[in-house]
C-alpha atoms as a PDB file:
ATOM      1  CA  MET A   1     -15.577   0.154 -42.760  1.00  0.00           C
ATOM      2  CA  HIS A   2     -14.165  -0.183 -46.671  1.00  0.00           C
ATOM      3  CA  LEU A   3     -13.183   3.455 -47.908  1.00  0.00           C
ATOM      4  CA  GLU A   4     -13.336   3.954 -51.682  1.00  0.00           C
ATOM      5  CA  ASP A   5     -11.325   7.319 -51.486  1.00  0.00           C
ATOM      6  CA  LYS A   6      -8.906   7.735 -49.068  1.00  0.00           C
ATOM      7  CA  ILE A   7      -7.703  10.671 -47.371  1.00  0.00           C
ATOM      8  CA  GLU A   8      -4.500  12.646 -48.318  1.00  0.00           C
ATOM      9  CA  ILE A   9      -2.005  11.189 -46.565  1.00  0.00           C
ATOM     10  CA  GLU A  10      -0.707  15.672 -45.932  1.00  0.00           C
ATOM     11  CA  ILE A  11      -3.948  15.741 -44.347  1.00  0.00           C
ATOM     12  CA  LEU A  12      -3.370  12.639 -42.153  1.00  0.00           C
ATOM     13  CA  ILE A  13       0.406  13.784 -41.308  1.00  0.00           C
ATOM     14  CA  THR A  14      -0.568  16.786 -40.587  1.00  0.00           C
ATOM     15  CA  TRP A  15      -3.761  15.689 -38.782  1.00  0.00           C
ATOM     16  CA  ILE A  16      -1.282  12.805 -36.838  1.00  0.00           C
ATOM     17  CA  LYS A  17       1.109  16.053 -35.092  1.00  0.00           C
ATOM     18  CA  GLU A  18      -1.939  18.152 -34.508  1.00  0.00           C
ATOM     19  CA  ARG A  19      -2.662  15.557 -32.141  1.00  0.00           C
ATOM     20  CA  PHE A  20       0.442  14.115 -30.318  1.00  0.00           C
ATOM     21  CA  SER A  21       1.303  17.704 -30.268  1.00  0.00           C
ATOM     22  CA  LYS A  22      -2.064  18.817 -28.398  1.00  0.00           C
ATOM     23  CA  ALA A  23      -1.071  16.046 -25.933  1.00  0.00           C
ATOM     24  CA  LYS A  24       2.571  17.871 -25.308  1.00  0.00           C
ATOM     25  CA  MET A  25       4.347  14.548 -27.365  1.00  0.00           C
ATOM     26  CA  SER A  26       6.300  15.406 -30.661  1.00  0.00           C
ATOM     27  CA  ILE A  27       6.758  12.637 -33.167  1.00  0.00           C
ATOM     28  CA  ASP A  28       9.076  11.903 -35.248  1.00  0.00           C
ATOM     29  CA  GLY A  29       9.258  10.742 -39.340  1.00  0.00           C
ATOM     30  CA  GLN A  30      10.060   7.562 -39.097  1.00  0.00           C
ATOM     31  CA  ALA A  31       7.074   6.511 -36.494  1.00  0.00           C
ATOM     32  CA  LEU A  32       4.760   8.624 -38.976  1.00  0.00           C
ATOM     33  CA  ALA A  33       5.641   6.402 -41.836  1.00  0.00           C
ATOM     34  CA  ARG A  34       5.576   3.392 -39.536  1.00  0.00           C
ATOM     35  CA  ILE A  35       2.083   4.613 -38.856  1.00  0.00           C
ATOM     36  CA  LEU A  36       0.860   5.219 -42.079  1.00  0.00           C
ATOM     37  CA  GLU A  37       2.292   2.212 -43.454  1.00  0.00           C
ATOM     38  CA  ILE A  38       1.170  -0.413 -40.628  1.00  0.00           C
ATOM     39  CA  SER A  39      -2.653   1.549 -40.678  1.00  0.00           C
ATOM     40  CA  ARG A  40      -2.540   1.895 -44.964  1.00  0.00           C
ATOM     41  CA  ALA A  41      -2.972   5.549 -44.408  1.00  0.00           C
ATOM     42  CA  HIS A  42      -7.149   4.141 -43.180  1.00  0.00           C
ATOM     43  CA  PRO A  43      -8.355   6.317 -41.104  1.00  0.00           C
ATOM     44  CA  TYR A  44      -9.729   4.167 -38.597  1.00  0.00           C
ATOM     45  CA  TYR A  45      -6.887   2.591 -38.458  1.00  0.00           C
ATOM     46  CA  VAL A  46      -4.554   5.410 -38.439  1.00  0.00           C
ATOM     47  CA  GLN A  47      -6.698   6.680 -34.898  1.00  0.00           C
ATOM     48  CA  LYS A  48      -6.368   3.443 -33.966  1.00  0.00           C
ATOM     49  CA  LEU A  49      -2.398   2.844 -34.093  1.00  0.00           C
ATOM     50  CA  CYS A  50      -2.217   6.598 -32.950  1.00  0.00           C
ATOM     51  CA  GLN A  51      -4.011   5.735 -29.414  1.00  0.00           C
ATOM     52  CA  PHE A  52      -2.149   2.352 -28.892  1.00  0.00           C
ATOM     53  CA  THR A  53       1.173   4.260 -29.354  1.00  0.00           C
ATOM     54  CA  TRP A  54       0.033   7.216 -27.338  1.00  0.00           C
ATOM     55  CA  LEU A  55      -0.434   4.929 -25.057  1.00  0.00           C
ATOM     56  CA  GLU A  56       2.373   3.121 -24.741  1.00  0.00           C
ATOM     57  CA  LYS A  57       4.009   6.361 -24.116  1.00  0.00           C
ATOM     58  CA  GLU A  58       1.410   8.017 -21.882  1.00  0.00           C
ATOM     59  CA  LEU A  59       1.530   5.068 -19.414  1.00  0.00           C
ATOM     60  CA  GLY A  60       5.171   4.336 -19.791  1.00  0.00           C
ATOM     61  CA  LYS A  61       7.762   5.260 -17.178  1.00  0.00           C
ATOM     62  CA  THR A  62      10.373   7.396 -19.593  1.00  0.00           C
ATOM     63  CA  LYS A  63      10.278  11.914 -19.429  1.00  0.00           C
ATOM     64  CA  ASN A  64      10.529  11.801 -22.744  1.00  0.00           C
ATOM     65  CA  LYS A  65       7.406  12.571 -24.724  1.00  0.00           C
ATOM     66  CA  SER A  66       8.670  12.262 -28.333  1.00  0.00           C
ATOM     67  CA  ILE A  67       7.014   9.097 -30.261  1.00  0.00           C
ATOM     68  CA  GLY A  68       9.328   7.139 -31.871  1.00  0.00           C
ATOM     69  CA  TYR A  69       9.243   4.060 -34.162  1.00  0.00           C
ATOM     70  CA  GLU A  70      10.086   1.854 -31.700  1.00  0.00           C
ATOM     71  CA  ASP A  71       6.751   3.331 -29.276  1.00  0.00           C
ATOM     72  CA  VAL A  72       5.039   2.945 -32.657  1.00  0.00           C
ATOM     73  CA  ASN A  73       5.889  -0.898 -33.088  1.00  0.00           C
ATOM     74  CA  LYS A  74       5.189  -1.552 -29.226  1.00  0.00           C
ATOM     75  CA  ALA A  75       1.720   0.271 -29.884  1.00  0.00           C
ATOM     76  CA  ILE A  76       1.621  -2.660 -33.102  1.00  0.00           C
ATOM     77  CA  SER A  77       2.341  -5.626 -30.432  1.00  0.00           C
ATOM     78  CA  ARG A  78      -0.112  -4.739 -27.934  1.00  0.00           C
ATOM     79  CA  ILE A  79      -2.818  -4.405 -30.625  1.00  0.00           C
ATOM     80  CA  LEU A  80      -2.184  -7.249 -31.852  1.00  0.00           C
ATOM     81  CA  ILE A  81      -2.154  -8.980 -28.559  1.00  0.00           C
ATOM     82  CA  LYS A  82      -5.581  -6.931 -27.111  1.00  0.00           C
ATOM     83  CA  GLU A  83      -7.296  -8.387 -30.829  1.00  0.00           C
ATOM     84  CA  LYS A  84      -5.957 -11.956 -30.667  1.00  0.00           C
ATOM     85  CA  PHE A  85      -8.610 -13.077 -29.557  1.00  0.00           C
ATOM     86  CA  VAL A  86     -10.818 -11.529 -32.157  1.00  0.00           C
ATOM     87  CA  PHE A  87      -9.067 -12.686 -35.100  1.00  0.00           C
ATOM     88  CA  ASP A  88      -8.803 -16.442 -33.103  1.00  0.00           C
ATOM     89  CA  ASP A  89     -12.923 -15.699 -33.462  1.00  0.00           C
ATOM     90  CA  ARG A  90     -12.680 -15.077 -37.048  1.00  0.00           C
ATOM     91  CA  LEU A  91     -10.377 -17.394 -38.230  1.00  0.00           C
ATOM     92  CA  ALA A  92     -12.486 -20.087 -36.115  1.00  0.00           C
ATOM     93  CA  ARG A  93     -15.672 -19.226 -38.665  1.00  0.00           C
ATOM     94  CA  LEU A  94     -13.827 -19.604 -41.709  1.00  0.00           C
ATOM     95  CA  SER A  95     -13.471 -23.257 -43.788  1.00  0.00           C
ATOM     96  CA  ASN A  96      -9.673 -24.105 -44.355  1.00  0.00           C
ATOM     97  CA  ASN A  97     -10.177 -22.532 -48.140  1.00  0.00           C
ATOM     98  CA  GLN A  98     -10.883 -19.417 -46.909  1.00  0.00           C
ATOM     99  CA  LYS A  99      -7.825 -19.908 -44.387  1.00  0.00           C
ATOM    100  CA  GLU A 100      -5.296 -20.734 -47.824  1.00  0.00           C
ATOM    101  CA  VAL A 101      -6.911 -17.709 -49.158  1.00  0.00           C
ATOM    102  CA  ILE A 102      -6.877 -15.434 -46.848  1.00  0.00           C
ATOM    103  CA  SER A 103      -3.341 -15.953 -45.286  1.00  0.00           C
ATOM    104  CA  SER A 104      -1.519 -15.909 -48.771  1.00  0.00           C
ATOM    105  CA  VAL A 105      -3.579 -12.757 -49.632  1.00  0.00           C
ATOM    106  CA  ALA A 106      -1.679 -11.180 -45.943  1.00  0.00           C
ATOM    107  CA  ASN A 107       1.574 -13.492 -46.962  1.00  0.00           C
ATOM    108  CA  GLN A 108       2.134 -11.337 -50.381  1.00  0.00           C
ATOM    109  CA  TYR A 109       0.353  -8.114 -49.528  1.00  0.00           C
ATOM    110  CA  ASP A 110       2.709  -5.185 -50.806  1.00  0.00           C
ATOM    111  CA  PRO A 111       0.418  -2.097 -52.128  1.00  0.00           C
ATOM    112  CA  GLU A 112       2.702  -1.997 -55.068  1.00  0.00           C
ATOM    113  CA  LYS A 113       1.333  -5.242 -56.513  1.00  0.00           C
ATOM    114  CA  SER A 114      -1.419  -7.042 -57.217  1.00  0.00           C
ATOM    115  CA  LEU A 115      -2.543 -10.242 -56.625  1.00  0.00           C
ATOM    116  CA  GLY A 116      -5.786 -11.616 -58.354  1.00  0.00           C
ATOM    117  CA  LEU A 117      -7.058 -15.112 -59.075  1.00  0.00           C
ATOM    118  CA  ALA A 118      -4.025 -16.410 -60.574  1.00  0.00           C
ATOM    119  CA  GLN A 119      -2.003 -15.327 -58.407  1.00  0.00           C
ATOM    120  CA  ILE A 120      -4.400 -16.572 -55.225  1.00  0.00           C
ATOM    121  CA  THR A 121      -4.579 -20.091 -56.830  1.00  0.00           C
ATOM    122  CA  LYS A 122      -1.046 -20.827 -57.767  1.00  0.00           C
ATOM    123  CA  LEU A 123      -0.666 -19.508 -53.973  1.00  0.00           C
ATOM    124  CA  THR A 124      -2.558 -22.005 -52.423  1.00  0.00           C
ATOM    125  CA  GLN A 125      -2.348 -24.864 -54.604  1.00  0.00           C
ATOM    126  CA  ILE A 126      -5.668 -25.158 -54.589  1.00  0.00           C
ATOM    127  CA  SER A 127      -7.994 -25.032 -57.298  1.00  0.00           C
ATOM    128  CA  ARG A 128      -9.500 -22.635 -58.878  1.00  0.00           C
ATOM    129  CA  SER A 129     -12.850 -22.916 -58.392  1.00  0.00           C
ATOM    130  CA  SER A 130     -12.012 -23.929 -54.456  1.00  0.00           C
ATOM    131  CA  VAL A 131     -10.144 -20.043 -54.419  1.00  0.00           C
ATOM    132  CA  GLN A 132     -12.872 -18.530 -56.374  1.00  0.00           C
ATOM    133  CA  SER A 133     -15.800 -20.121 -53.965  1.00  0.00           C
ATOM    134  CA  ALA A 134     -13.354 -18.938 -51.391  1.00  0.00           C
ATOM    135  CA  ILE A 135     -12.765 -15.533 -52.409  1.00  0.00           C
ATOM    136  CA  LYS A 136     -16.186 -14.732 -52.926  1.00  0.00           C
ATOM    137  CA  SER A 137     -17.764 -15.900 -49.556  1.00  0.00           C
ATOM    138  CA  LEU A 138     -14.706 -13.695 -47.879  1.00  0.00           C
ATOM    139  CA  LEU A 139     -16.421 -10.475 -49.851  1.00  0.00           C
ATOM    140  CA  ASN A 140     -19.861 -11.085 -48.912  1.00  0.00           C
ATOM    141  CA  SER A 141     -19.001 -11.754 -44.904  1.00  0.00           C
ATOM    142  CA  GLU A 142     -20.313  -9.182 -42.361  1.00  0.00           C
ATOM    143  CA  ASP A 143     -16.893  -9.297 -42.037  1.00  0.00           C
ATOM    144  CA  GLN A 144     -15.751  -8.160 -44.241  1.00  0.00           C
ATOM    145  CA  ILE A 145     -12.845 -10.187 -44.124  1.00  0.00           C
ATOM    146  CA  LEU A 146     -11.341  -9.585 -48.251  1.00  0.00           C
ATOM    147  CA  ILE A 147     -11.798  -6.788 -50.856  1.00  0.00           C
ATOM    148  CA  LYS A 148     -11.519  -6.153 -54.142  1.00  0.00           C
ATOM    149  CA  GLU A 149      -9.695  -3.279 -55.589  1.00  0.00           C
ATOM    150  CA  LYS A 150      -8.795  -2.617 -58.514  1.00  0.00           C
ATOM    151  CA  GLY A 151      -8.877  -6.105 -59.698  1.00  0.00           C
ATOM    152  CA  SER A 152      -6.818  -7.160 -57.025  1.00  0.00           C
ATOM    153  CA  TYR A 153      -7.549  -8.153 -53.667  1.00  0.00           C
ATOM    154  CA  LYS A 154      -6.455  -7.598 -49.820  1.00  0.00           C
ATOM    155  CA  LEU A 155      -7.477  -8.193 -46.597  1.00  0.00           C
ATOM    156  CA  GLU A 156      -9.564  -5.531 -45.160  1.00  0.00           C
ATOM    157  CA  ASP A 157      -7.964  -5.420 -41.172  1.00  0.00           C
ATOM    158  CA  PRO A 158      -4.318  -4.869 -41.488  1.00  0.00           C
ATOM    159  CA  PHE A 159      -3.983  -5.569 -37.803  1.00  0.00           C
ATOM    160  CA  PHE A 160      -5.062  -8.788 -38.981  1.00  0.00           C
ATOM    161  CA  SER A 161      -3.143  -8.841 -41.808  1.00  0.00           C
ATOM    162  CA  LEU A 162      -0.683  -8.731 -39.402  1.00  0.00           C
ATOM    163  CA  TYR A 163      -1.101 -11.092 -36.951  1.00  0.00           C
ATOM    164  CA  LEU A 164      -1.807 -13.755 -39.701  1.00  0.00           C
ATOM    165  CA  VAL A 165       1.767 -13.185 -41.248  1.00  0.00           C
ATOM    166  CA  ILE A 166       3.495 -13.822 -37.352  1.00  0.00           C
END
C-alpha cells in the first residue's frame, strides 16, 4: 500500500529500538540506518525487515544479541530468497517494455533524484510512447508495482527493487 505521508524517522527509530529492546536485543546506529535506507522508512517494510533481522539473530547460534549492519544484510538476503517466487511471478506477467521500465527505475533509484519520463525513455532506449504506455499500465496494476511521487517514478516495494538489481 502506497503511503502519501510517511511516519517521521525519529518515531520509527524509537519504535525499532523499543521493539528490539523488548526482545532483549540492542541495535547499533549502522543497522538502524540500513533498515531505514532499505525500507525507505515505509512502516510495512520497516516492520518486515526488523522481523527478519530479529529471526536471523534469534535463530542464530550466537549468544550475542546485538543487531549490527551485517545482521540486517543477512535478513535482506533471507527476504529476497523467500520472495523470489512472488517476484518471478510478478515479472512473468509483465511485457518486455514493462520489464525494461521497472528495471531502469530499480537500477537508477536514488531518493534524492527525480526519475521522470524523459530519463526512463533515455535509459530504456524504447520509444517515448511505449514507455508512457508501460508506465501507465504499471501505475494501474493491482500489484502497485510503480508509483509516482512528485513527478518521479519509483518502485513501491523496495525488496522487489533490490531483487531486480541483484
